[in-house]
Amino acid sequence: MRAVTGAFLGALLLSACASAPEPSKWELIVGEKIASRVGIYKDDGTLIASIPVGTHPHEFAVSPDGQLVYVSDNGILWMTEAGEGGNTISIIDPRKRQKVGVIDLGEYRRPHGMDIDPRTDRMVVTIENPDGLLLLDLNERKVLRKYDTEGKSPHMVKLNADATVAYVSNTHSDTVAAIELETGATKLIPSTGRPQGATLSLDGTLLYMTESDGASILILDTGTHEPVGRIATGKGPGRIEITPDGKTLVYNLQEGEGIGFADVESRKEIATVSLAGPPLSMRLTPDAELALLGIQSKDKIAVVSVKERRLLRYLDTPPESGPDSVLAYQP
């Protein structure tokens, strides 16, 4: 009887081990823009936590130590809509799975794109009411300075390699503002239509900024702030990142309902992958193996293999959640 029981327990343990799910490599932080929440999901799509934030959260930024996520509480669903908007940035601790703080922007409203200087713990964030760029102290959680972007609807922002210059996409005036943070001096660079997100080359000498209406990527020399080329893309490029080897640009195609890949050396789009709807965002996982795209109108997250350039799967979010930005972190 004892031997039978031992064999039975051994078989039971083997069965349990065989059927036990593998731990998630990533957990996903999802800006549920319509529902005004941040959802935390396993990489298989299982919802772990739902965290209320300000109205209509748009973009994410990660603290230099990787422990906190900053959420721009824009307050307006679409940037084309009128309205006062929100004036806060929510602070999420993804491991505690809760909101742990807020930055009050006071009179400055409709925060959107953000970037952080890891050496100073200072953040730049665009605002759309009034139009401008703010410099924040993340330790003190306060506004230090406002800059004039000399354009309409400042949308996304990217710091240069040494965080002395902020590049801001003035989406509704078709210009890029290169702002020296020390002096406030601004140089305007013409765009072919609705500039959006940006990324830097690995050596920091070039900035790649998407032009949504231009179906192109503008290439700027970060030393001179002058255009040095363009890459033609599919329709509606918006958010963009560069792979760790510096060879490939990856970006969402909102109007084209897909994701695009461009070769840095040849400056040509080399592949696109069709998706089930218009993605509003695109981020790479930290190892750059996967691209994550929020399809707000379908309540879905598309997971795309960067190496294979193919759709792997969709993850469903709750009805009327409206996923936009998606960020991966290791639990």
C-alpha atoms as a PDB file:
ATOM      1  CA  MET A   1       0.000   0.000   0.000  1.00  0.00           C
ATOM      2  CA  ARG A   2       2.804   2.365   0.905  1.00  0.00           C
ATOM      3  CA  ALA A   3       4.616   1.705  -2.395  1.00  0.00           C
ATOM      4  CA  VAL A   4       1.442   2.212  -4.366  1.00  0.00           C
ATOM      5  CA  THR A   5       0.804   5.456  -2.543  1.00  0.00           C
ATOM      6  CA  GLY A   6       4.360   6.638  -3.218  1.00  0.00           C
ATOM      7  CA  ALA A   7       4.078   5.801  -6.895  1.00  0.00           C
ATOM      8  CA  PHE A   8       0.748   7.557  -7.073  1.00  0.00           C
ATOM      9  CA  LEU A   9       2.108  10.691  -5.394  1.00  0.00           C
ATOM     10  CA  GLY A  10       5.154  10.657  -7.672  1.00  0.00           C
ATOM     11  CA  ALA A  11       2.944  10.439 -10.733  1.00  0.00           C
ATOM     12  CA  LEU A  12       0.771  13.229  -9.373  1.00  0.00           C
ATOM     13  CA  LEU A  13       3.777  15.474  -8.839  1.00  0.00           C
ATOM     14  CA  LEU A  14       5.095  14.748 -12.327  1.00  0.00           C
ATOM     15  CA  SER A  15       1.695  15.535 -13.776  1.00  0.00           C
ATOM     16  CA  ALA A  16       1.503  18.792 -11.846  1.00  0.00           C
ATOM     17  CA  CYS A  17       4.965  19.830 -12.984  1.00  0.00           C
ATOM     18  CA  ALA A  18       4.172  19.000 -16.584  1.00  0.00           C
ATOM     19  CA  SER A  19       0.951  21.012 -16.564  1.00  0.00           C
ATOM     20  CA  ALA A  20       2.208  23.980 -14.541  1.00  0.00           C
ATOM     21  CA  PRO A  21       2.358  27.151 -16.655  1.00  0.00           C
ATOM     22  CA  GLU A  22       5.726  28.703 -17.294  1.00  0.00           C
ATOM     23  CA  PRO A  23       6.294  31.975 -15.447  1.00  0.00           C
ATOM     24  CA  SER A  24       5.789  35.126 -17.481  1.00  0.00           C
ATOM     25  CA  LYS A  25       8.926  36.570 -18.997  1.00  0.00           C
ATOM     26  CA  TRP A  26       7.275  39.964 -19.120  1.00  0.00           C
ATOM     27  CA  GLU A  27       4.417  41.702 -17.446  1.00  0.00           C
ATOM     28  CA  LEU A  28       2.692  44.384 -19.479  1.00  0.00           C
ATOM     29  CA  ILE A  29       1.645  47.824 -18.298  1.00  0.00           C
ATOM     30  CA  VAL A  30      -1.197  49.027 -20.493  1.00  0.00           C
ATOM     31  CA  GLY A  31      -2.573  52.541 -20.688  1.00  0.00           C
ATOM     32  CA  GLU A  32      -6.316  51.923 -20.959  1.00  0.00           C
ATOM     33  CA  LYS A  33      -7.099  55.330 -22.372  1.00  0.00           C
ATOM     34  CA  ILE A  34     -10.868  55.117 -22.697  1.00  0.00           C
ATOM     35  CA  ALA A  35     -11.381  53.565 -19.260  1.00  0.00           C
ATOM     36  CA  SER A  36      -8.890  55.929 -17.536  1.00  0.00           C
ATOM     37  CA  ARG A  37      -6.976  53.030 -15.991  1.00  0.00           C
ATOM     38  CA  VAL A  38      -3.607  51.369 -16.125  1.00  0.00           C
ATOM     39  CA  GLY A  39      -3.889  47.618 -16.477  1.00  0.00           C
ATOM     40  CA  ILE A  40      -1.150  45.162 -15.550  1.00  0.00           C
ATOM     41  CA  TYR A  41      -1.214  41.906 -17.494  1.00  0.00           C
ATOM     42  CA  LYS A  42       0.783  38.710 -17.745  1.00  0.00           C
ATOM     43  CA  ASP A  43       2.327  38.209 -21.155  1.00  0.00           C
ATOM     44  CA  ASP A  44      -0.392  35.659 -21.941  1.00  0.00           C
ATOM     45  CA  GLY A  45      -3.033  38.376 -21.573  1.00  0.00           C
ATOM     46  CA  THR A  46      -4.198  37.532 -18.029  1.00  0.00           C
ATOM     47  CA  LEU A  47      -5.249  40.679 -16.189  1.00  0.00           C
ATOM     48  CA  ILE A  48      -3.416  40.992 -12.860  1.00  0.00           C
ATOM     49  CA  ALA A  49      -4.359  44.462 -11.640  1.00  0.00           C
ATOM     50  CA  SER A  50      -6.424  47.447 -12.703  1.00  0.00           C
ATOM     51  CA  ILE A  51      -5.255  50.822 -11.397  1.00  0.00           C
ATOM     52  CA  PRO A  52      -7.362  54.019 -11.715  1.00  0.00           C
ATOM     53  CA  VAL A  53      -5.381  57.060 -12.869  1.00  0.00           C
ATOM     54  CA  GLY A  54      -6.311  60.474 -14.248  1.00  0.00           C
ATOM     55  CA  THR A  55      -8.759  60.840 -17.124  1.00  0.00           C
ATOM     56  CA  HIS A  56      -7.623  59.467 -20.505  1.00  0.00           C
ATOM     57  CA  PRO A  57      -3.972  58.534 -19.837  1.00  0.00           C
ATOM     58  CA  HIS A  58      -1.843  58.783 -22.999  1.00  0.00           C
ATOM     59  CA  GLU A  59       1.898  58.092 -22.602  1.00  0.00           C
ATOM     60  CA  PHE A  60       4.378  56.354 -20.289  1.00  0.00           C
ATOM     61  CA  ALA A  61       7.888  57.124 -19.095  1.00  0.00           C
ATOM     62  CA  VAL A  62      10.022  54.880 -16.859  1.00  0.00           C
ATOM     63  CA  SER A  63      12.173  56.105 -13.971  1.00  0.00           C
ATOM     64  CA  PRO A  64      15.938  55.698 -14.430  1.00  0.00           C
ATOM     65  CA  ASP A  65      16.032  52.861 -11.870  1.00  0.00           C
ATOM     66  CA  GLY A  66      13.149  51.087 -13.599  1.00  0.00           C
ATOM     67  CA  GLN A  67      11.014  51.051 -10.453  1.00  0.00           C
ATOM     68  CA  LEU A  68       8.340  53.623 -11.341  1.00  0.00           C
ATOM     69  CA  VAL A  69       6.180  54.383 -14.354  1.00  0.00           C
ATOM     70  CA  TYR A  70       4.953  57.914 -15.050  1.00  0.00           C
ATOM     71  CA  VAL A  71       1.586  58.302 -16.786  1.00  0.00           C
ATOM     72  CA  SER A  72       0.482  61.498 -18.530  1.00  0.00           C
ATOM     73  CA  ASP A  73      -3.130  62.149 -17.469  1.00  0.00           C
ATOM     74  CA  ASN A  74      -4.043  64.133 -20.580  1.00  0.00           C
ATOM     75  CA  GLY A  75      -7.747  64.409 -19.807  1.00  0.00           C
ATOM     76  CA  ILE A  76      -8.810  64.416 -23.478  1.00  0.00           C
ATOM     77  CA  LEU A  77      -9.343  61.277 -25.530  1.00  0.00           C
ATOM     78  CA  TRP A  78      -8.076  62.622 -28.890  1.00  0.00           C
ATOM     79  CA  MET A  79      -5.592  65.458 -29.337  1.00  0.00           C
ATOM     80  CA  THR A  80      -7.830  66.952 -32.042  1.00  0.00           C
ATOM     81  CA  GLU A  81     -10.625  67.534 -29.507  1.00  0.00           C
ATOM     82  CA  ALA A  82     -11.078  70.794 -27.612  1.00  0.00           C
ATOM     83  CA  GLY A  83     -11.183  70.844 -23.841  1.00  0.00           C
ATOM     84  CA  GLU A  84      -9.382  71.991 -20.724  1.00  0.00           C
ATOM     85  CA  GLY A  85      -7.846  68.582 -20.013  1.00  0.00           C
ATOM     86  CA  GLY A  86      -6.065  67.197 -16.987  1.00  0.00           C
ATOM     87  CA  ASN A  87      -3.087  68.607 -15.114  1.00  0.00           C
ATOM     88  CA  THR A  88      -1.452  65.620 -13.426  1.00  0.00           C
ATOM     89  CA  ILE A  89       1.070  62.880 -14.000  1.00  0.00           C
ATOM     90  CA  SER A  90       0.255  59.666 -12.141  1.00  0.00           C
ATOM     91  CA  ILE A  91       3.071  57.564 -10.658  1.00  0.00           C
ATOM     92  CA  ILE A  92       2.694  53.780 -10.727  1.00  0.00           C
ATOM     93  CA  ASP A  93       4.770  51.169  -8.910  1.00  0.00           C
ATOM     94  CA  PRO A  94       4.230  48.107 -11.149  1.00  0.00           C
ATOM     95  CA  ARG A  95       5.619  45.634  -8.616  1.00  0.00           C
ATOM     96  CA  LYS A  96       3.321  46.906  -5.875  1.00  0.00           C
ATOM     97  CA  ARG A  97       0.635  47.142  -8.573  1.00  0.00           C
ATOM     98  CA  GLN A  98      -0.671  50.430  -7.317  1.00  0.00           C
ATOM     99  CA  LYS A  99      -0.576  54.183  -7.808  1.00  0.00           C
ATOM    100  CA  VAL A 100       1.977  55.627  -5.394  1.00  0.00           C
ATOM    101  CA  GLY A 101       1.958  59.326  -6.174  1.00  0.00           C
ATOM    102  CA  VAL A 102       1.054  62.188  -8.453  1.00  0.00           C
ATOM    103  CA  ILE A 103       2.762  65.256  -9.891  1.00  0.00           C
ATOM    104  CA  ASP A 104       0.458  68.294  -9.911  1.00  0.00           C
ATOM    105  CA  LEU A 105       1.171  70.539 -12.905  1.00  0.00           C
ATOM    106  CA  GLY A 106      -0.997  73.393 -11.628  1.00  0.00           C
ATOM    107  CA  GLU A 107      -2.032  75.762 -14.417  1.00  0.00           C
ATOM    108  CA  TYR A 108      -0.419  73.592 -17.105  1.00  0.00           C
ATOM    109  CA  ARG A 109      -2.817  71.110 -18.638  1.00  0.00           C
ATOM    110  CA  ARG A 110      -3.092  68.253 -21.131  1.00  0.00           C
ATOM    111  CA  PRO A 111       0.337  66.654 -20.525  1.00  0.00           C
ATOM    112  CA  HIS A 112       1.333  64.202 -23.221  1.00  0.00           C
ATOM    113  CA  GLY A 113       4.810  63.032 -24.358  1.00  0.00           C
ATOM    114  CA  MET A 114       7.584  62.579 -21.785  1.00  0.00           C
ATOM    115  CA  ASP A 115      11.315  61.879 -21.643  1.00  0.00           C
ATOM    116  CA  ILE A 116      13.678  61.615 -18.666  1.00  0.00           C
ATOM    117  CA  ASP A 117      17.326  62.578 -18.144  1.00  0.00           C
ATOM    118  CA  PRO A 118      18.663  59.645 -16.058  1.00  0.00           C
ATOM    119  CA  ARG A 119      21.574  61.678 -14.711  1.00  0.00           C
ATOM    120  CA  THR A 120      19.496  64.422 -13.114  1.00  0.00           C
ATOM    121  CA  ASP A 121      16.084  62.759 -12.560  1.00  0.00           C
ATOM    122  CA  ARG A 122      14.504  65.568 -14.508  1.00  0.00           C
ATOM    123  CA  MET A 123      11.664  65.038 -16.931  1.00  0.00           C
ATOM    124  CA  VAL A 124      10.488  67.000 -19.934  1.00  0.00           C
ATOM    125  CA  VAL A 125       6.793  66.752 -20.783  1.00  0.00           C
ATOM    126  CA  THR A 126       4.757  68.380 -23.530  1.00  0.00           C
ATOM    127  CA  ILE A 127       1.543  70.228 -22.685  1.00  0.00           C
ATOM    128  CA  GLU A 128      -1.290  71.174 -25.018  1.00  0.00           C
ATOM    129  CA  ASN A 129      -3.077  73.758 -22.827  1.00  0.00           C
ATOM    130  CA  PRO A 130      -1.325  76.125 -23.032  1.00  0.00           C
ATOM    131  CA  ASP A 131       1.028  74.827 -25.731  1.00  0.00           C
ATOM    132  CA  GLY A 132       4.497  74.334 -24.325  1.00  0.00           C
ATOM    133  CA  LEU A 133       7.142  72.098 -22.772  1.00  0.00           C
ATOM    134  CA  LEU A 134       7.711  71.660 -19.045  1.00  0.00           C
ATOM    135  CA  LEU A 135      10.855  70.711 -17.144  1.00  0.00           C
ATOM    136  CA  LEU A 136      10.069  68.755 -13.962  1.00  0.00           C
ATOM    137  CA  ASP A 137      12.078  67.691 -10.937  1.00  0.00           C
ATOM    138  CA  LEU A 138      11.002  64.101 -10.278  1.00  0.00           C
ATOM    139  CA  ASN A 139      12.458  64.007  -6.765  1.00  0.00           C
ATOM    140  CA  GLU A 140      10.629  67.151  -5.683  1.00  0.00           C
ATOM    141  CA  ARG A 141       7.696  66.339  -7.988  1.00  0.00           C
ATOM    142  CA  LYS A 142       7.349  69.915  -9.154  1.00  0.00           C
ATOM    143  CA  VAL A 143       7.531  72.101 -12.245  1.00  0.00           C
ATOM    144  CA  LEU A 144      10.862  73.901 -12.688  1.00  0.00           C
ATOM    145  CA  ARG A 145      10.320  75.741 -15.950  1.00  0.00           C
ATOM    146  CA  LYS A 146       8.055  76.177 -18.955  1.00  0.00           C
ATOM    147  CA  TYR A 147       9.411  76.562 -22.504  1.00  0.00           C
ATOM    148  CA  ASP A 148       7.773  78.054 -25.573  1.00  0.00           C
ATOM    149  CA  THR A 149       7.839  75.501 -28.406  1.00  0.00           C
ATOM    150  CA  GLU A 150       6.815  78.215 -30.888  1.00  0.00           C
ATOM    151  CA  GLY A 151       4.247  75.876 -32.406  1.00  0.00           C
ATOM    152  CA  LYS A 152       0.801  74.320 -32.039  1.00  0.00           C
ATOM    153  CA  SER A 153      -0.029  71.094 -30.191  1.00  0.00           C
ATOM    154  CA  PRO A 154       3.362  70.003 -28.809  1.00  0.00           C
ATOM    155  CA  HIS A 155       2.854  66.254 -28.835  1.00  0.00           C
ATOM    156  CA  MET A 156       5.960  64.097 -28.283  1.00  0.00           C
ATOM    157  CA  VAL A 157       9.435  64.962 -26.987  1.00  0.00           C
ATOM    158  CA  LYS A 158      12.859  63.334 -27.209  1.00  0.00           C
ATOM    159  CA  LEU A 159      16.037  64.464 -25.438  1.00  0.00           C
ATOM    160  CA  ASN A 160      19.364  64.395 -27.256  1.00  0.00           C
ATOM    161  CA  ALA A 161      22.163  62.132 -26.005  1.00  0.00           C
ATOM    162  CA  ASP A 162      23.399  64.477 -23.270  1.00  0.00           C
ATOM    163  CA  ALA A 163      19.923  65.823 -22.420  1.00  0.00           C
ATOM    164  CA  THR A 164      20.814  69.410 -23.263  1.00  0.00           C
ATOM    165  CA  VAL A 165      18.324  69.710 -26.129  1.00  0.00           C
ATOM    166  CA  ALA A 166      14.682  68.627 -26.308  1.00  0.00           C
ATOM    167  CA  TYR A 167      13.149  67.874 -29.699  1.00  0.00           C
ATOM    168  CA  VAL A 168       9.411  68.551 -29.672  1.00  0.00           C
ATOM    169  CA  SER A 169       6.935  67.657 -32.417  1.00  0.00           C
ATOM    170  CA  ASN A 170       4.587  70.610 -32.970  1.00  0.00           C
ATOM    171  CA  THR A 171       2.013  68.376 -34.596  1.00  0.00           C
ATOM    172  CA  HIS A 172      -0.556  70.945 -35.727  1.00  0.00           C
ATOM    173  CA  SER A 173       1.922  73.507 -37.028  1.00  0.00           C
ATOM    174  CA  ASP A 174       4.122  71.001 -38.896  1.00  0.00           C
ATOM    175  CA  THR A 175       7.383  71.933 -37.189  1.00  0.00           C
ATOM    176  CA  VAL A 176       9.961  70.337 -34.920  1.00  0.00           C
ATOM    177  CA  ALA A 177      11.256  72.557 -32.110  1.00  0.00           C
ATOM    178  CA  ALA A 178      14.864  72.009 -31.008  1.00  0.00           C
ATOM    179  CA  ILE A 179      14.951  73.654 -27.549  1.00  0.00           C
ATOM    180  CA  GLU A 180      18.150  74.278 -25.589  1.00  0.00           C
ATOM    181  CA  LEU A 181      17.094  73.542 -22.021  1.00  0.00           C
ATOM    182  CA  GLU A 182      19.698  75.800 -20.404  1.00  0.00           C
ATOM    183  CA  THR A 183      18.875  78.952 -22.375  1.00  0.00           C
ATOM    184  CA  GLY A 184      15.431  78.258 -23.812  1.00  0.00           C
ATOM    185  CA  ALA A 185      16.672  79.117 -27.305  1.00  0.00           C
ATOM    186  CA  THR A 186      14.521  77.399 -29.913  1.00  0.00           C
ATOM    187  CA  LYS A 187      15.151  76.478 -33.514  1.00  0.00           C
ATOM    188  CA  LEU A 188      12.172  75.498 -35.675  1.00  0.00           C
ATOM    189  CA  ILE A 189      12.621  72.805 -38.322  1.00  0.00           C
ATOM    190  CA  PRO A 190       9.925  72.366 -41.020  1.00  0.00           C
ATOM    191  CA  SER A 191       8.110  69.021 -41.250  1.00  0.00           C
ATOM    192  CA  THR A 192       6.151  67.563 -44.159  1.00  0.00           C
ATOM    193  CA  GLY A 193       3.110  66.904 -41.992  1.00  0.00           C
ATOM    194  CA  ARG A 194       2.101  66.128 -38.394  1.00  0.00           C
ATOM    195  CA  PRO A 195       5.413  65.183 -36.770  1.00  0.00           C
ATOM    196  CA  GLN A 196       5.048  62.651 -33.964  1.00  0.00           C
ATOM    197  CA  GLY A 197       7.467  60.368 -32.068  1.00  0.00           C
ATOM    198  CA  ALA A 198      11.253  60.207 -32.264  1.00  0.00           C
ATOM    199  CA  THR A 199      14.260  58.046 -31.470  1.00  0.00           C
ATOM    200  CA  LEU A 200      18.042  58.550 -31.608  1.00  0.00           C
ATOM    201  CA  SER A 201      20.733  56.673 -33.483  1.00  0.00           C
ATOM    202  CA  LEU A 202      22.960  54.664 -31.167  1.00  0.00           C
ATOM    203  CA  ASP A 203      25.720  57.280 -31.308  1.00  0.00           C
ATOM    204  CA  GLY A 204      23.239  60.097 -30.763  1.00  0.00           C
ATOM    205  CA  THR A 205      24.217  61.993 -33.903  1.00  0.00           C
ATOM    206  CA  LEU A 206      20.896  61.498 -35.694  1.00  0.00           C
ATOM    207  CA  LEU A 207      17.281  61.911 -34.659  1.00  0.00           C
ATOM    208  CA  TYR A 208      14.559  59.965 -36.465  1.00  0.00           C
ATOM    209  CA  MET A 209      11.112  61.576 -36.171  1.00  0.00           C
ATOM    210  CA  THR A 210       7.953  60.192 -37.725  1.00  0.00           C
ATOM    211  CA  GLU A 211       5.783  62.409 -39.921  1.00  0.00           C
ATOM    212  CA  SER A 212       2.276  60.984 -39.829  1.00  0.00           C
ATOM    213  CA  ASP A 213       0.715  62.922 -42.705  1.00  0.00           C
ATOM    214  CA  GLY A 214       3.959  62.802 -44.669  1.00  0.00           C
ATOM    215  CA  ALA A 215       4.169  58.983 -44.497  1.00  0.00           C
ATOM    216  CA  SER A 216       7.832  59.440 -43.742  1.00  0.00           C
ATOM    217  CA  ILE A 217      10.577  59.583 -41.123  1.00  0.00           C
ATOM    218  CA  LEU A 218      12.473  62.860 -40.901  1.00  0.00           C
ATOM    219  CA  ILE A 219      16.213  62.480 -40.171  1.00  0.00           C
ATOM    220  CA  LEU A 220      17.869  65.347 -38.281  1.00  0.00           C
ATOM    221  CA  ASP A 221      21.533  65.992 -37.519  1.00  0.00           C
ATOM    222  CA  THR A 222      21.581  66.584 -33.755  1.00  0.00           C
ATOM    223  CA  GLY A 223      24.714  68.725 -34.014  1.00  0.00           C
ATOM    224  CA  THR A 224      23.251  71.248 -36.435  1.00  0.00           C
ATOM    225  CA  HIS A 225      19.500  70.563 -36.007  1.00  0.00           C
ATOM    226  CA  GLU A 226      19.303  70.385 -39.794  1.00  0.00           C
ATOM    227  CA  PRO A 227      17.410  67.798 -41.885  1.00  0.00           C
ATOM    228  CA  VAL A 228      19.736  65.326 -43.591  1.00  0.00           C
ATOM    229  CA  GLY A 229      17.247  62.931 -45.158  1.00  0.00           C
ATOM    230  CA  ARG A 230      13.891  61.158 -45.070  1.00  0.00           C
ATOM    231  CA  ILE A 231      12.649  57.597 -45.182  1.00  0.00           C
ATOM    232  CA  ALA A 232       9.367  56.901 -46.991  1.00  0.00           C
ATOM    233  CA  THR A 233       6.999  54.708 -44.959  1.00  0.00           C
ATOM    234  CA  GLY A 234       3.496  53.328 -44.961  1.00  0.00           C
ATOM    235  CA  LYS A 235       0.567  55.502 -43.902  1.00  0.00           C
ATOM    236  CA  GLY A 236       0.501  57.210 -40.542  1.00  0.00           C
ATOM    237  CA  PRO A 237       3.778  56.452 -38.723  1.00  0.00           C
ATOM    238  CA  GLY A 238       3.533  57.582 -35.113  1.00  0.00           C
ATOM    239  CA  ARG A 239       5.770  56.005 -32.443  1.00  0.00           C
ATOM    240  CA  ILE A 240       9.251  54.767 -33.289  1.00  0.00           C
ATOM    241  CA  GLU A 241      12.188  52.899 -31.722  1.00  0.00           C
ATOM    242  CA  ILE A 242      15.542  51.629 -32.939  1.00  0.00           C
ATOM    243  CA  THR A 243      16.782  48.069 -32.399  1.00  0.00           C
ATOM    244  CA  PRO A 244      19.776  47.559 -30.062  1.00  0.00           C
ATOM    245  CA  ASP A 245      22.129  46.901 -32.984  1.00  0.00           C
ATOM    246  CA  GLY A 246      21.208  50.277 -34.467  1.00  0.00           C
ATOM    247  CA  LYS A 247      20.265  48.755 -37.806  1.00  0.00           C
ATOM    248  CA  THR A 248      16.468  48.825 -37.876  1.00  0.00           C
ATOM    249  CA  LEU A 249      13.760  51.360 -37.107  1.00  0.00           C
ATOM    250  CA  VAL A 250      10.430  49.949 -35.920  1.00  0.00           C
ATOM    251  CA  TYR A 251       7.236  52.042 -35.934  1.00  0.00           C
ATOM    252  CA  ASN A 252       3.456  51.781 -35.863  1.00  0.00           C
ATOM    253  CA  LEU A 253       1.412  52.678 -38.929  1.00  0.00           C
ATOM    254  CA  GLN A 254      -1.850  54.063 -37.603  1.00  0.00           C
ATOM    255  CA  GLU A 255      -3.624  54.815 -40.884  1.00  0.00           C
ATOM    256  CA  GLY A 256      -1.912  51.890 -42.566  1.00  0.00           C
ATOM    257  CA  GLU A 257      -3.169  49.572 -39.777  1.00  0.00           C
ATOM    258  CA  GLY A 258       0.160  47.864 -39.326  1.00  0.00           C
ATOM    259  CA  ILE A 259       3.753  48.016 -38.188  1.00  0.00           C
ATOM    260  CA  GLY A 260       6.726  49.057 -40.307  1.00  0.00           C
ATOM    261  CA  PHE A 261      10.431  48.254 -40.382  1.00  0.00           C
ATOM    262  CA  ALA A 262      13.061  50.474 -42.025  1.00  0.00           C
ATOM    263  CA  ASP A 263      16.733  49.786 -42.701  1.00  0.00           C
ATOM    264  CA  VAL A 264      18.913  52.525 -41.225  1.00  0.00           C
ATOM    265  CA  GLU A 265      21.786  52.137 -43.689  1.00  0.00           C
ATOM    266  CA  SER A 266      19.758  52.152 -46.909  1.00  0.00           C
ATOM    267  CA  ARG A 267      17.087  54.482 -45.504  1.00  0.00           C
ATOM    268  CA  LYS A 268      14.325  52.353 -46.952  1.00  0.00           C
ATOM    269  CA  GLU A 269      11.257  50.676 -45.527  1.00  0.00           C
ATOM    270  CA  ILE A 270      11.977  46.951 -45.796  1.00  0.00           C
ATOM    271  CA  ALA A 271       8.847  45.324 -44.374  1.00  0.00           C
ATOM    272  CA  THR A 272       5.346  45.937 -43.040  1.00  0.00           C
ATOM    273  CA  VAL A 273       2.985  43.660 -41.124  1.00  0.00           C
ATOM    274  CA  SER A 274      -0.784  44.171 -41.312  1.00  0.00           C
ATOM    275  CA  LEU A 275      -2.802  44.303 -38.090  1.00  0.00           C
ATOM    276  CA  ALA A 276      -6.477  44.015 -37.180  1.00  0.00           C
ATOM    277  CA  GLY A 277      -6.940  47.751 -36.716  1.00  0.00           C
ATOM    278  CA  PRO A 278      -5.114  51.070 -36.351  1.00  0.00           C
ATOM    279  CA  PRO A 279      -2.369  50.871 -33.699  1.00  0.00           C
ATOM    280  CA  LEU A 280      -1.919  54.083 -31.723  1.00  0.00           C
ATOM    281  CA  SER A 281       1.356  53.057 -30.132  1.00  0.00           C
ATOM    282  CA  MET A 282       4.451  50.901 -30.491  1.00  0.00           C
ATOM    283  CA  ARG A 283       7.079  49.885 -27.985  1.00  0.00           C
ATOM    284  CA  LEU A 284       9.754  47.218 -28.017  1.00  0.00           C
ATOM    285  CA  THR A 285      10.295  44.858 -25.125  1.00  0.00           C
ATOM    286  CA  PRO A 286      13.608  45.531 -23.326  1.00  0.00           C
ATOM    287  CA  ASP A 287      15.299  42.716 -25.259  1.00  0.00           C
ATOM    288  CA  ALA A 288      13.780  44.088 -28.506  1.00  0.00           C
ATOM    289  CA  GLU A 289      12.494  40.646 -29.471  1.00  0.00           C
ATOM    290  CA  LEU A 290       8.863  41.787 -29.510  1.00  0.00           C
ATOM    291  CA  ALA A 291       6.951  44.880 -30.567  1.00  0.00           C
ATOM    292  CA  LEU A 292       3.818  45.714 -28.567  1.00  0.00           C
ATOM    293  CA  LEU A 293       1.093  47.808 -30.175  1.00  0.00           C
ATOM    294  CA  GLY A 294      -2.137  49.065 -28.616  1.00  0.00           C
ATOM    295  CA  ILE A 295      -5.172  48.934 -30.908  1.00  0.00           C
ATOM    296  CA  GLN A 296      -7.567  51.195 -29.039  1.00  0.00           C
ATOM    297  CA  SER A 297     -10.602  50.711 -31.286  1.00  0.00           C
ATOM    298  CA  LYS A 298     -10.440  46.912 -30.999  1.00  0.00           C
ATOM    299  CA  ASP A 299      -9.492  46.600 -27.304  1.00  0.00           C
ATOM    300  CA  LYS A 300      -6.502  44.533 -28.371  1.00  0.00           C
ATOM    301  CA  ILE A 301      -2.733  44.457 -28.011  1.00  0.00           C
ATOM    302  CA  ALA A 302      -0.781  43.142 -30.985  1.00  0.00           C
ATOM    303  CA  VAL A 303       2.399  41.177 -30.269  1.00  0.00           C
ATOM    304  CA  VAL A 304       4.814  41.132 -33.228  1.00  0.00           C
ATOM    305  CA  SER A 305       8.149  39.320 -33.619  1.00  0.00           C
ATOM    306  CA  VAL A 306      10.784  41.900 -34.565  1.00  0.00           C
ATOM    307  CA  LYS A 307      13.251  39.349 -35.941  1.00  0.00           C
ATOM    308  CA  GLU A 308      10.692  37.364 -37.932  1.00  0.00           C
ATOM    309  CA  ARG A 309       8.563  40.408 -38.779  1.00  0.00           C
ATOM    310  CA  ARG A 310       5.315  38.601 -38.257  1.00  0.00           C
ATOM    311  CA  LEU A 311       2.276  38.836 -36.006  1.00  0.00           C
ATOM    312  CA  LEU A 312       2.471  36.337 -33.153  1.00  0.00           C
ATOM    313  CA  ARG A 313      -0.819  36.915 -31.340  1.00  0.00           C
ATOM    314  CA  TYR A 314      -3.378  39.368 -30.021  1.00  0.00           C
ATOM    315  CA  LEU A 315      -4.088  39.929 -26.343  1.00  0.00           C
ATOM    316  CA  ASP A 316      -7.597  41.042 -25.418  1.00  0.00           C
ATOM    317  CA  THR A 317      -8.263  43.826 -22.939  1.00  0.00           C
ATOM    318  CA  PRO A 318     -11.671  44.471 -21.312  1.00  0.00           C
ATOM    319  CA  PRO A 319     -14.403  45.999 -23.506  1.00  0.00           C
ATOM    320  CA  GLU A 320     -14.190  49.792 -23.772  1.00  0.00           C
ATOM    321  CA  SER A 321     -10.763  49.864 -22.126  1.00  0.00           C
ATOM    322  CA  GLY A 322      -9.120  51.412 -25.200  1.00  0.00           C
ATOM    323  CA  PRO A 323      -5.485  50.300 -24.907  1.00  0.00           C
ATOM    324  CA  ASP A 324      -2.925  52.807 -26.156  1.00  0.00           C
ATOM    325  CA  SER A 325       0.638  52.691 -24.798  1.00  0.00           C
ATOM    326  CA  VAL A 326       1.976  49.270 -23.757  1.00  0.00           C
ATOM    327  CA  LEU A 327       5.142  48.826 -21.725  1.00  0.00           C
ATOM    328  CA  ALA A 328       6.906  45.555 -20.852  1.00  0.00           C
ATOM    329  CA  TYR A 329       8.907  44.967 -17.663  1.00  0.00           C
ATOM    330  CA  GLN A 330      10.342  41.945 -15.884  1.00  0.00           C
ATOM    331  CA  PRO A 331       8.290  40.996 -12.820  1.00  0.00           C
END
